[in-house]
Amino acid sequence: MRKSLHITVFGAAGNVGRRVVAEGLARGHVVTAVVRDPARARAAGLPEAAEIRTGDAGNAEDVAALSAGQDLVISATRPAPGQERELVAMAEALLAGAGKAGTRLLLVGGAGSLFVPGSGGLAPIVDDPVYVPEEVRPIALACGEQLAVCRAADETVDWTYLSPPALLEPGERTGAYRLGRDELLVDGEGNSAVSMEDLAVALLDEAEEPRHRRARFTVAY
């Protein structure tokens, strides 16, 4: 029988966050959904079974308070265009707060810090317009800094960073995906994609059976 985990989700009202909340509850876990604006919680379609709390992923004290006594903290925050640097400040606050509480952190990041397939880790996709068009370069660069903050964290902090593939959209929950580490995963036709639903599956699989402690991993079909 699967152990029931107590999980706090930051960014719970967002596209990825609410799917993580739903997946966690469907597996029998106790989920605390953290939002900045309580009025958005139910409007976003968060399940009634989730405990709604107010908090800011960019505030280390909020993170520590909402992480205390939990088995895991998942962050699925995404800044508005023009505010990409918030990702870095939030990563610092999440690591500090979760570290203070002694709670594991699973952070949903970006694909921009991955490497071009077959490049041996020498060609970041953020520098390749085939993978990262100019209009999304700011968020891709911020995600790279976000990962660097994790890697520079004190060794006592238990973190995991998930980079999604190039295309992440709402879709079907199949429960199937491939795992990778630092290179962008592509299929036989060069596509790199996974649904938000299956990204949530991958997150909860990692939550239940940790395989990437203090490391980054990626998923795709």
C-alpha atoms as a PDB file:
ATOM      1  CA  MET A   1       0.000   0.000   0.000  1.00  0.00           C
ATOM      2  CA  ARG A   2       1.265   3.476  -0.947  1.00  0.00           C
ATOM      3  CA  LYS A   3       2.210   5.682   1.985  1.00  0.00           C
ATOM      4  CA  SER A   4       0.085   8.803   2.254  1.00  0.00           C
ATOM      5  CA  LEU A   5       2.240  11.909   2.037  1.00  0.00           C
ATOM      6  CA  HIS A   6       1.552  15.391   3.339  1.00  0.00           C
ATOM      7  CA  ILE A   7       2.364  17.704   0.412  1.00  0.00           C
ATOM      8  CA  THR A   8       2.375  21.489   0.141  1.00  0.00           C
ATOM      9  CA  VAL A   9       1.981  22.890  -3.378  1.00  0.00           C
ATOM     10  CA  PHE A  10       2.980  26.484  -4.162  1.00  0.00           C
ATOM     11  CA  GLY A  11       1.508  27.977  -7.322  1.00  0.00           C
ATOM     12  CA  ALA A  12      -1.464  25.671  -6.807  1.00  0.00           C
ATOM     13  CA  ALA A  13      -3.874  27.804  -8.847  1.00  0.00           C
ATOM     14  CA  GLY A  14      -1.673  27.734 -11.953  1.00  0.00           C
ATOM     15  CA  ASN A  15      -1.946  25.390 -14.919  1.00  0.00           C
ATOM     16  CA  VAL A  16       0.631  22.904 -13.638  1.00  0.00           C
ATOM     17  CA  GLY A  17      -0.069  23.483  -9.960  1.00  0.00           C
ATOM     18  CA  ARG A  18      -3.729  22.568 -10.021  1.00  0.00           C
ATOM     19  CA  ARG A  19      -2.958  19.377 -11.927  1.00  0.00           C
ATOM     20  CA  VAL A  20      -0.346  18.490  -9.314  1.00  0.00           C
ATOM     21  CA  VAL A  21      -2.919  19.062  -6.572  1.00  0.00           C
ATOM     22  CA  ALA A  22      -5.464  16.862  -8.363  1.00  0.00           C
ATOM     23  CA  GLU A  23      -2.920  14.089  -9.016  1.00  0.00           C
ATOM     24  CA  GLY A  24      -1.762  14.125  -5.399  1.00  0.00           C
ATOM     25  CA  LEU A  25      -5.296  13.890  -4.058  1.00  0.00           C
ATOM     26  CA  ALA A  26      -6.184  11.120  -6.533  1.00  0.00           C
ATOM     27  CA  ARG A  27      -3.299   9.082  -5.085  1.00  0.00           C
ATOM     28  CA  GLY A  28      -4.587   9.507  -1.546  1.00  0.00           C
ATOM     29  CA  HIS A  29      -2.129  12.137  -0.367  1.00  0.00           C
ATOM     30  CA  VAL A  30      -2.988  15.049   1.921  1.00  0.00           C
ATOM     31  CA  VAL A  31      -2.488  18.180  -0.142  1.00  0.00           C
ATOM     32  CA  THR A  32      -2.185  21.790   1.012  1.00  0.00           C
ATOM     33  CA  ALA A  33      -2.713  24.154  -1.917  1.00  0.00           C
ATOM     34  CA  VAL A  34      -0.952  27.497  -1.451  1.00  0.00           C
ATOM     35  CA  VAL A  35      -2.160  30.558  -3.356  1.00  0.00           C
ATOM     36  CA  ARG A  36      -1.426  34.267  -3.114  1.00  0.00           C
ATOM     37  CA  ASP A  37      -5.069  35.217  -3.619  1.00  0.00           C
ATOM     38  CA  PRO A  38      -7.653  32.974  -1.898  1.00  0.00           C
ATOM     39  CA  ALA A  39     -10.352  34.239  -4.263  1.00  0.00           C
ATOM     40  CA  ARG A  40      -8.531  32.498  -7.119  1.00  0.00           C
ATOM     41  CA  ALA A  41      -8.446  29.103  -5.425  1.00  0.00           C
ATOM     42  CA  ARG A  42     -11.891  27.730  -6.209  1.00  0.00           C
ATOM     43  CA  ALA A  43     -12.182  29.795  -9.392  1.00  0.00           C
ATOM     44  CA  ALA A  44      -9.127  27.926 -10.637  1.00  0.00           C
ATOM     45  CA  GLY A  45     -10.927  24.639 -10.117  1.00  0.00           C
ATOM     46  CA  LEU A  46      -8.963  23.377  -7.137  1.00  0.00           C
ATOM     47  CA  PRO A  47     -10.634  20.297  -5.628  1.00  0.00           C
ATOM     48  CA  GLU A  48     -12.658  20.686  -2.434  1.00  0.00           C
ATOM     49  CA  ALA A  49     -10.461  18.056  -0.766  1.00  0.00           C
ATOM     50  CA  ALA A  50      -7.428  20.349  -0.917  1.00  0.00           C
ATOM     51  CA  GLU A  51      -6.677  22.526   2.096  1.00  0.00           C
ATOM     52  CA  ILE A  52      -6.327  26.089   0.832  1.00  0.00           C
ATOM     53  CA  ARG A  53      -3.665  28.277   2.454  1.00  0.00           C
ATOM     54  CA  THR A  54      -2.408  31.745   1.588  1.00  0.00           C
ATOM     55  CA  GLY A  55       1.301  32.271   1.117  1.00  0.00           C
ATOM     56  CA  ASP A  56       4.073  33.628  -1.075  1.00  0.00           C
ATOM     57  CA  ALA A  57       6.724  31.355  -2.594  1.00  0.00           C
ATOM     58  CA  GLY A  58       9.015  34.370  -2.656  1.00  0.00           C
ATOM     59  CA  ASN A  59       8.905  34.755   1.124  1.00  0.00           C
ATOM     60  CA  ALA A  60      11.202  32.335   2.956  1.00  0.00           C
ATOM     61  CA  GLU A  61       9.251  32.662   6.214  1.00  0.00           C
ATOM     62  CA  ASP A  62       5.990  31.780   4.450  1.00  0.00           C
ATOM     63  CA  VAL A  63       7.688  28.802   2.845  1.00  0.00           C
ATOM     64  CA  ALA A  64       9.123  27.609   6.163  1.00  0.00           C
ATOM     65  CA  ALA A  65       5.776  27.930   7.944  1.00  0.00           C
ATOM     66  CA  LEU A  66       3.860  26.091   5.212  1.00  0.00           C
ATOM     67  CA  SER A  67       6.572  23.414   4.912  1.00  0.00           C
ATOM     68  CA  ALA A  68       6.753  22.572   8.608  1.00  0.00           C
ATOM     69  CA  GLY A  69       5.611  19.031   9.327  1.00  0.00           C
ATOM     70  CA  GLN A  70       5.132  18.204   5.647  1.00  0.00           C
ATOM     71  CA  ASP A  71       6.791  15.366   3.747  1.00  0.00           C
ATOM     72  CA  LEU A  72       7.292  17.391   0.601  1.00  0.00           C
ATOM     73  CA  VAL A  73       6.972  20.847  -0.901  1.00  0.00           C
ATOM     74  CA  ILE A  74       6.271  21.187  -4.624  1.00  0.00           C
ATOM     75  CA  SER A  75       6.613  24.552  -6.332  1.00  0.00           C
ATOM     76  CA  ALA A  76       4.953  25.129  -9.705  1.00  0.00           C
ATOM     77  CA  THR A  77       5.066  28.922  -9.810  1.00  0.00           C
ATOM     78  CA  ARG A  78       5.383  30.847 -13.078  1.00  0.00           C
ATOM     79  CA  PRO A  79       5.989  34.604 -13.261  1.00  0.00           C
ATOM     80  CA  ALA A  80       4.188  36.970 -15.609  1.00  0.00           C
ATOM     81  CA  PRO A  81       6.013  38.168 -18.741  1.00  0.00           C
ATOM     82  CA  GLY A  82       8.477  40.880 -17.811  1.00  0.00           C
ATOM     83  CA  GLN A  83       8.908  39.489 -14.304  1.00  0.00           C
ATOM     84  CA  GLU A  84      11.047  36.491 -15.160  1.00  0.00           C
ATOM     85  CA  ARG A  85      13.657  37.339 -12.532  1.00  0.00           C
ATOM     86  CA  GLU A  86      11.082  36.450  -9.862  1.00  0.00           C
ATOM     87  CA  LEU A  87      11.974  32.818 -10.565  1.00  0.00           C
ATOM     88  CA  VAL A  88      15.440  33.297  -9.113  1.00  0.00           C
ATOM     89  CA  ALA A  89      14.240  35.102  -5.978  1.00  0.00           C
ATOM     90  CA  MET A  90      11.548  32.472  -5.466  1.00  0.00           C
ATOM     91  CA  ALA A  91      14.063  29.645  -5.792  1.00  0.00           C
ATOM     92  CA  GLU A  92      16.214  31.263  -3.118  1.00  0.00           C
ATOM     93  CA  ALA A  93      13.212  31.680  -0.799  1.00  0.00           C
ATOM     94  CA  LEU A  94      11.925  28.160  -1.431  1.00  0.00           C
ATOM     95  CA  LEU A  95      15.313  26.596  -0.737  1.00  0.00           C
ATOM     96  CA  ALA A  96      15.789  28.685   2.405  1.00  0.00           C
ATOM     97  CA  GLY A  97      12.290  28.025   3.731  1.00  0.00           C
ATOM     98  CA  ALA A  98      12.171  24.315   2.936  1.00  0.00           C
ATOM     99  CA  GLY A  99      15.696  23.937   4.293  1.00  0.00           C
ATOM    100  CA  LYS A 100      14.745  25.646   7.538  1.00  0.00           C
ATOM    101  CA  ALA A 101      11.764  23.302   7.894  1.00  0.00           C
ATOM    102  CA  GLY A 102      13.832  20.255   6.926  1.00  0.00           C
ATOM    103  CA  THR A 103      11.360  19.427   4.168  1.00  0.00           C
ATOM    104  CA  ARG A 104      12.190  18.090   0.723  1.00  0.00           C
ATOM    105  CA  LEU A 105      11.611  20.506  -2.183  1.00  0.00           C
ATOM    106  CA  LEU A 106      10.534  19.467  -5.675  1.00  0.00           C
ATOM    107  CA  LEU A 107      10.772  22.446  -8.014  1.00  0.00           C
ATOM    108  CA  VAL A 108       9.194  22.681 -11.453  1.00  0.00           C
ATOM    109  CA  GLY A 109      11.607  24.692 -13.563  1.00  0.00           C
ATOM    110  CA  GLY A 110      12.056  25.253 -17.274  1.00  0.00           C
ATOM    111  CA  ALA A 111      13.477  23.563 -20.338  1.00  0.00           C
ATOM    112  CA  GLY A 112      15.861  26.421 -21.119  1.00  0.00           C
ATOM    113  CA  SER A 113      18.714  25.017 -19.063  1.00  0.00           C
ATOM    114  CA  LEU A 114      18.696  21.676 -20.906  1.00  0.00           C
ATOM    115  CA  PHE A 115      21.227  20.818 -23.606  1.00  0.00           C
ATOM    116  CA  VAL A 116      20.736  20.085 -27.290  1.00  0.00           C
ATOM    117  CA  PRO A 117      20.233  16.340 -27.842  1.00  0.00           C
ATOM    118  CA  GLY A 118      23.471  14.602 -28.740  1.00  0.00           C
ATOM    119  CA  SER A 119      25.663  17.601 -27.883  1.00  0.00           C
ATOM    120  CA  GLY A 120      27.270  15.928 -24.881  1.00  0.00           C
ATOM    121  CA  GLY A 121      26.255  18.780 -22.636  1.00  0.00           C
ATOM    122  CA  LEU A 122      28.148  21.371 -24.684  1.00  0.00           C
ATOM    123  CA  ALA A 123      25.273  23.205 -26.401  1.00  0.00           C
ATOM    124  CA  PRO A 124      22.580  24.757 -24.183  1.00  0.00           C
ATOM    125  CA  ILE A 125      19.236  24.946 -25.965  1.00  0.00           C
ATOM    126  CA  VAL A 126      18.825  28.512 -24.679  1.00  0.00           C
ATOM    127  CA  ASP A 127      21.459  29.532 -27.240  1.00  0.00           C
ATOM    128  CA  ASP A 128      19.779  27.696 -30.117  1.00  0.00           C
ATOM    129  CA  PRO A 129      16.858  29.556 -31.788  1.00  0.00           C
ATOM    130  CA  VAL A 130      15.580  26.258 -33.141  1.00  0.00           C
ATOM    131  CA  TYR A 131      14.601  25.338 -29.595  1.00  0.00           C
ATOM    132  CA  VAL A 132      14.312  28.730 -27.880  1.00  0.00           C
ATOM    133  CA  PRO A 133      12.872  31.579 -29.987  1.00  0.00           C
ATOM    134  CA  GLU A 134      13.908  35.092 -29.010  1.00  0.00           C
ATOM    135  CA  GLU A 135      10.545  35.875 -27.404  1.00  0.00           C
ATOM    136  CA  VAL A 136      10.935  33.150 -24.767  1.00  0.00           C
ATOM    137  CA  ARG A 137      14.661  33.654 -24.189  1.00  0.00           C
ATOM    138  CA  PRO A 138      14.146  35.796 -21.024  1.00  0.00           C
ATOM    139  CA  ILE A 139      12.231  33.059 -19.200  1.00  0.00           C
ATOM    140  CA  ALA A 140      14.684  30.421 -20.476  1.00  0.00           C
ATOM    141  CA  LEU A 141      17.641  32.376 -19.094  1.00  0.00           C
ATOM    142  CA  ALA A 142      15.863  32.882 -15.771  1.00  0.00           C
ATOM    143  CA  CYS A 143      15.228  29.137 -15.530  1.00  0.00           C
ATOM    144  CA  GLY A 144      18.952  28.535 -15.994  1.00  0.00           C
ATOM    145  CA  GLU A 145      19.683  30.860 -13.083  1.00  0.00           C
ATOM    146  CA  GLN A 146      16.960  29.146 -11.074  1.00  0.00           C
ATOM    147  CA  LEU A 147      18.687  25.781 -11.519  1.00  0.00           C
ATOM    148  CA  ALA A 148      22.063  27.327 -10.633  1.00  0.00           C
ATOM    149  CA  VAL A 149      20.594  28.576  -7.350  1.00  0.00           C
ATOM    150  CA  CYS A 150      19.484  25.040  -6.535  1.00  0.00           C
ATOM    151  CA  ARG A 151      22.880  23.580  -7.336  1.00  0.00           C
ATOM    152  CA  ALA A 152      24.578  26.170  -5.135  1.00  0.00           C
ATOM    153  CA  ALA A 153      22.282  25.463  -2.171  1.00  0.00           C
ATOM    154  CA  ASP A 154      23.668  24.243   1.119  1.00  0.00           C
ATOM    155  CA  GLU A 155      24.209  20.477   0.984  1.00  0.00           C
ATOM    156  CA  THR A 156      21.704  19.977   3.802  1.00  0.00           C
ATOM    157  CA  VAL A 157      18.843  21.149   1.560  1.00  0.00           C
ATOM    158  CA  ASP A 158      17.035  18.240  -0.113  1.00  0.00           C
ATOM    159  CA  TRP A 159      15.912  19.493  -3.541  1.00  0.00           C
ATOM    160  CA  THR A 160      14.961  18.108  -6.937  1.00  0.00           C
ATOM    161  CA  TYR A 161      14.514  20.164 -10.110  1.00  0.00           C
ATOM    162  CA  LEU A 162      12.252  19.034 -12.963  1.00  0.00           C
ATOM    163  CA  SER A 163      12.793  20.529 -16.424  1.00  0.00           C
ATOM    164  CA  PRO A 164       9.794  19.992 -18.689  1.00  0.00           C
ATOM    165  CA  PRO A 165      10.268  19.324 -22.405  1.00  0.00           C
ATOM    166  CA  ALA A 166      10.039  22.044 -25.065  1.00  0.00           C
ATOM    167  CA  LEU A 167       6.247  21.794 -25.330  1.00  0.00           C
ATOM    168  CA  LEU A 168       4.116  21.619 -22.196  1.00  0.00           C
ATOM    169  CA  GLU A 169       0.375  21.989 -22.716  1.00  0.00           C
ATOM    170  CA  PRO A 170      -2.887  20.768 -21.196  1.00  0.00           C
ATOM    171  CA  GLY A 171      -3.828  17.369 -22.550  1.00  0.00           C
ATOM    172  CA  GLU A 172      -4.441  13.748 -21.674  1.00  0.00           C
ATOM    173  CA  ARG A 173      -3.211  11.845 -18.645  1.00  0.00           C
ATOM    174  CA  THR A 174      -1.627   8.707 -20.070  1.00  0.00           C
ATOM    175  CA  GLY A 175       0.654   7.872 -17.139  1.00  0.00           C
ATOM    176  CA  ALA A 176       3.477   7.235 -19.613  1.00  0.00           C
ATOM    177  CA  TYR A 177       6.654   9.248 -20.098  1.00  0.00           C
ATOM    178  CA  ARG A 178      10.404   8.875 -20.588  1.00  0.00           C
ATOM    179  CA  LEU A 179      13.006  10.080 -18.101  1.00  0.00           C
ATOM    180  CA  GLY A 180      16.159  12.035 -18.875  1.00  0.00           C
ATOM    181  CA  ARG A 181      18.735  14.086 -17.044  1.00  0.00           C
ATOM    182  CA  ASP A 182      20.367  17.093 -18.712  1.00  0.00           C
ATOM    183  CA  GLU A 183      19.588  16.777 -22.422  1.00  0.00           C
ATOM    184  CA  LEU A 184      16.275  17.740 -24.012  1.00  0.00           C
ATOM    185  CA  LEU A 185      14.301  14.586 -24.776  1.00  0.00           C
ATOM    186  CA  VAL A 186      12.959  14.296 -28.313  1.00  0.00           C
ATOM    187  CA  ASP A 187      11.089  11.542 -30.116  1.00  0.00           C
ATOM    188  CA  GLY A 188      11.937   9.987 -33.474  1.00  0.00           C
ATOM    189  CA  GLU A 189      10.440  12.968 -35.301  1.00  0.00           C
ATOM    190  CA  GLY A 190      12.283  15.551 -33.210  1.00  0.00           C
ATOM    191  CA  ASN A 191       9.297  16.482 -31.075  1.00  0.00           C
ATOM    192  CA  SER A 192       9.791  17.292 -27.383  1.00  0.00           C
ATOM    193  CA  ALA A 193       6.517  17.334 -25.486  1.00  0.00           C
ATOM    194  CA  VAL A 194       4.487  16.081 -22.563  1.00  0.00           C
ATOM    195  CA  SER A 195       1.039  17.011 -21.259  1.00  0.00           C
ATOM    196  CA  MET A 196       0.669  18.971 -18.037  1.00  0.00           C
ATOM    197  CA  GLU A 197      -1.275  16.010 -16.720  1.00  0.00           C
ATOM    198  CA  ASP A 198       1.625  13.621 -17.300  1.00  0.00           C
ATOM    199  CA  LEU A 199       4.114  16.133 -15.918  1.00  0.00           C
ATOM    200  CA  ALA A 200       2.059  15.972 -12.719  1.00  0.00           C
ATOM    201  CA  VAL A 201       2.279  12.172 -12.869  1.00  0.00           C
ATOM    202  CA  ALA A 202       6.070  12.398 -13.126  1.00  0.00           C
ATOM    203  CA  LEU A 203       6.211  14.827 -10.196  1.00  0.00           C
ATOM    204  CA  LEU A 204       4.156  12.580  -7.946  1.00  0.00           C
ATOM    205  CA  ASP A 205       6.122   9.506  -9.025  1.00  0.00           C
ATOM    206  CA  GLU A 206       9.291  11.325  -7.944  1.00  0.00           C
ATOM    207  CA  ALA A 207       7.597  12.394  -4.713  1.00  0.00           C
ATOM    208  CA  GLU A 208       6.692   8.825  -3.843  1.00  0.00           C
ATOM    209  CA  GLU A 209       9.938   7.193  -4.995  1.00  0.00           C
ATOM    210  CA  PRO A 210      12.785   9.740  -5.009  1.00  0.00           C
ATOM    211  CA  ARG A 211      15.371   9.024  -7.691  1.00  0.00           C
ATOM    212  CA  HIS A 212      16.831  12.471  -8.301  1.00  0.00           C
ATOM    213  CA  ARG A 213      17.844  13.940  -4.960  1.00  0.00           C
ATOM    214  CA  ARG A 214      19.850  17.159  -5.302  1.00  0.00           C
ATOM    215  CA  ALA A 215      19.688  16.729  -9.067  1.00  0.00           C
ATOM    216  CA  ARG A 216      17.779  17.785 -12.146  1.00  0.00           C
ATOM    217  CA  PHE A 217      15.743  15.485 -14.352  1.00  0.00           C
ATOM    218  CA  THR A 218      13.480  15.902 -17.360  1.00  0.00           C
ATOM    219  CA  VAL A 219      10.579  14.031 -18.927  1.00  0.00           C
ATOM    220  CA  ALA A 220       8.939  13.740 -22.338  1.00  0.00           C
ATOM    221  CA  TYR A 221       6.989  11.254 -24.430  1.00  0.00           C
END
